Amino acid sequence: MVHTIPITKARIKLGEIAKRAHLKGEYFILEKDGIPVAGIMSADELEDYLESQDPKVNQIIKEGYKEYLAGKTRHARNLLDELRSDVNKYKKSKKNNNVQRKNS
């Protein structure tokens, strides 16, 4: 939800405004003499916005989307299963190496 508030009133309620932006995802447009001059949003959302303006990030997104359309992706659950399997194989290998060293 977007709220418009005079800067003088926002200054008095800044703590409350910041809390609402952070916890509830509300937006605030600050006005001076009825003219919008600034906005307040959560820091997380601002970081996401700034990141989306980075040409390098946009290029990575485009490349990822092309790979997705080409069917070069897999479900995250399958990737996690594969990683767990690799970790388990590594642990077993390490355990077997330790047993062999003790028997030597």
Protein backbone atom coordinates (compact mmCIF):
# COMPACT_ATOMS: atom_id res chain seq x y z
CA MET A 1 0.00 0.00 0.00
CA VAL A 2 1.27 3.48 -0.87
CA HIS A 3 0.81 6.35 1.56
CA THR A 4 1.45 10.02 0.87
CA ILE A 5 2.61 12.07 3.85
CA PRO A 6 4.08 15.56 4.34
CA ILE A 7 7.77 15.51 5.27
CA THR A 8 7.08 17.46 8.48
CA LYS A 9 4.65 14.76 9.66
CA ALA A 10 6.99 11.97 8.50
CA ARG A 11 9.81 13.44 10.55
CA ILE A 12 7.71 13.10 13.71
CA LYS A 13 6.63 9.54 12.87
CA LEU A 14 9.83 8.33 11.20
CA GLY A 15 10.28 5.33 13.51
CA GLU A 16 6.72 4.13 12.88
CA ILE A 17 7.03 4.70 9.12
CA ALA A 18 10.31 2.77 8.96
CA LYS A 19 8.81 -0.10 10.94
CA ARG A 20 5.75 -0.29 8.67
CA ALA A 21 7.91 -0.21 5.54
CA HIS A 22 10.15 -2.96 6.91
CA LEU A 23 7.56 -5.26 8.47
CA LYS A 24 4.48 -4.67 6.34
CA GLY A 25 6.05 -3.75 2.99
CA GLU A 26 4.26 -0.41 2.88
CA TYR A 27 5.48 2.49 0.76
CA PHE A 28 5.54 6.16 1.68
CA ILE A 29 5.77 9.16 -0.63
CA LEU A 30 7.10 12.20 1.20
CA GLU A 31 5.80 15.57 0.04
CA LYS A 32 7.14 19.07 0.54
CA ASP A 33 4.59 21.80 -0.16
CA GLY A 34 2.41 19.17 -1.86
CA ILE A 35 5.17 18.06 -4.24
CA PRO A 36 6.44 14.45 -4.03
CA VAL A 37 10.18 14.62 -3.27
CA ALA A 38 11.20 11.23 -1.85
CA GLY A 39 9.99 7.75 -1.09
CA ILE A 40 10.45 5.22 1.70
CA MET A 41 10.47 1.45 1.19
CA SER A 42 12.07 -1.52 2.94
CA ALA A 43 15.83 -1.85 2.60
CA ASP A 44 15.49 -5.40 1.21
CA GLU A 45 13.21 -4.20 -1.55
CA LEU A 46 15.49 -1.27 -2.32
CA GLU A 47 18.46 -3.64 -2.63
CA ASP A 48 16.44 -5.83 -5.03
CA TYR A 49 15.50 -2.77 -7.07
CA LEU A 50 19.08 -1.51 -7.25
CA GLU A 51 20.31 -4.98 -8.23
CA SER A 52 17.73 -5.12 -11.02
CA GLN A 53 19.21 -1.92 -12.46
CA ASP A 54 22.65 -3.54 -12.85
CA PRO A 55 23.27 -4.45 -16.52
CA LYS A 56 25.39 -7.46 -15.49
CA VAL A 57 22.54 -8.87 -13.40
CA ASN A 58 20.08 -8.31 -16.23
CA GLN A 59 22.39 -10.16 -18.64
CA ILE A 60 22.64 -13.12 -16.24
CA ILE A 61 18.84 -13.19 -15.94
CA LYS A 62 18.45 -13.13 -19.74
CA GLU A 63 20.95 -15.97 -20.17
CA GLY A 64 19.24 -18.01 -17.48
CA TYR A 65 15.86 -17.47 -19.10
CA LYS A 66 17.23 -18.61 -22.48
CA GLU A 67 18.58 -21.77 -20.86
CA TYR A 68 15.23 -22.34 -19.20
CA LEU A 69 13.41 -22.00 -22.54
CA ALA A 70 15.92 -24.37 -24.16
CA GLY A 71 15.19 -27.01 -21.50
CA LYS A 72 18.67 -26.81 -19.97
CA THR A 73 17.36 -26.59 -16.44
CA ARG A 74 16.41 -29.07 -13.76
CA HIS A 75 14.23 -28.96 -10.74
CA ALA A 76 15.95 -27.73 -7.57
CA ARG A 77 14.85 -30.88 -5.72
CA ASN A 78 16.78 -33.02 -8.24
CA LEU A 79 19.88 -30.86 -7.82
CA LEU A 80 19.69 -31.12 -4.03
CA ASP A 81 19.30 -34.91 -4.25
CA GLU A 82 22.37 -35.08 -6.49
CA LEU A 83 24.39 -32.90 -4.12
CA ARG A 84 23.36 -35.02 -1.12
CA SER A 85 24.36 -38.15 -3.00
CA ASP A 86 27.76 -36.66 -3.81
CA VAL A 87 28.28 -35.66 -0.15
CA ASN A 88 27.35 -39.17 1.03
CA LYS A 89 29.77 -40.73 -1.49
CA TYR A 90 32.50 -38.39 -0.28
CA LYS A 91 31.84 -39.27 3.37
CA LYS A 92 31.89 -43.02 2.62
CA SER A 93 35.11 -42.66 0.64
CA LYS A 94 36.72 -40.69 3.44
CA LYS A 95 35.55 -43.24 6.03
CA ASN A 96 36.92 -46.13 3.95
CA ASN A 97 40.28 -44.36 3.57
CA ASN A 98 40.48 -43.85 7.35
CA VAL A 99 39.67 -47.55 7.97
CA GLN A 100 42.35 -48.64 5.49
CA ARG A 101 44.94 -46.41 7.16
CA LYS A 102 44.14 -47.88 10.58
CA ASN A 103 44.49 -51.44 9.24
CA SER A 104 47.83 -50.67 7.59
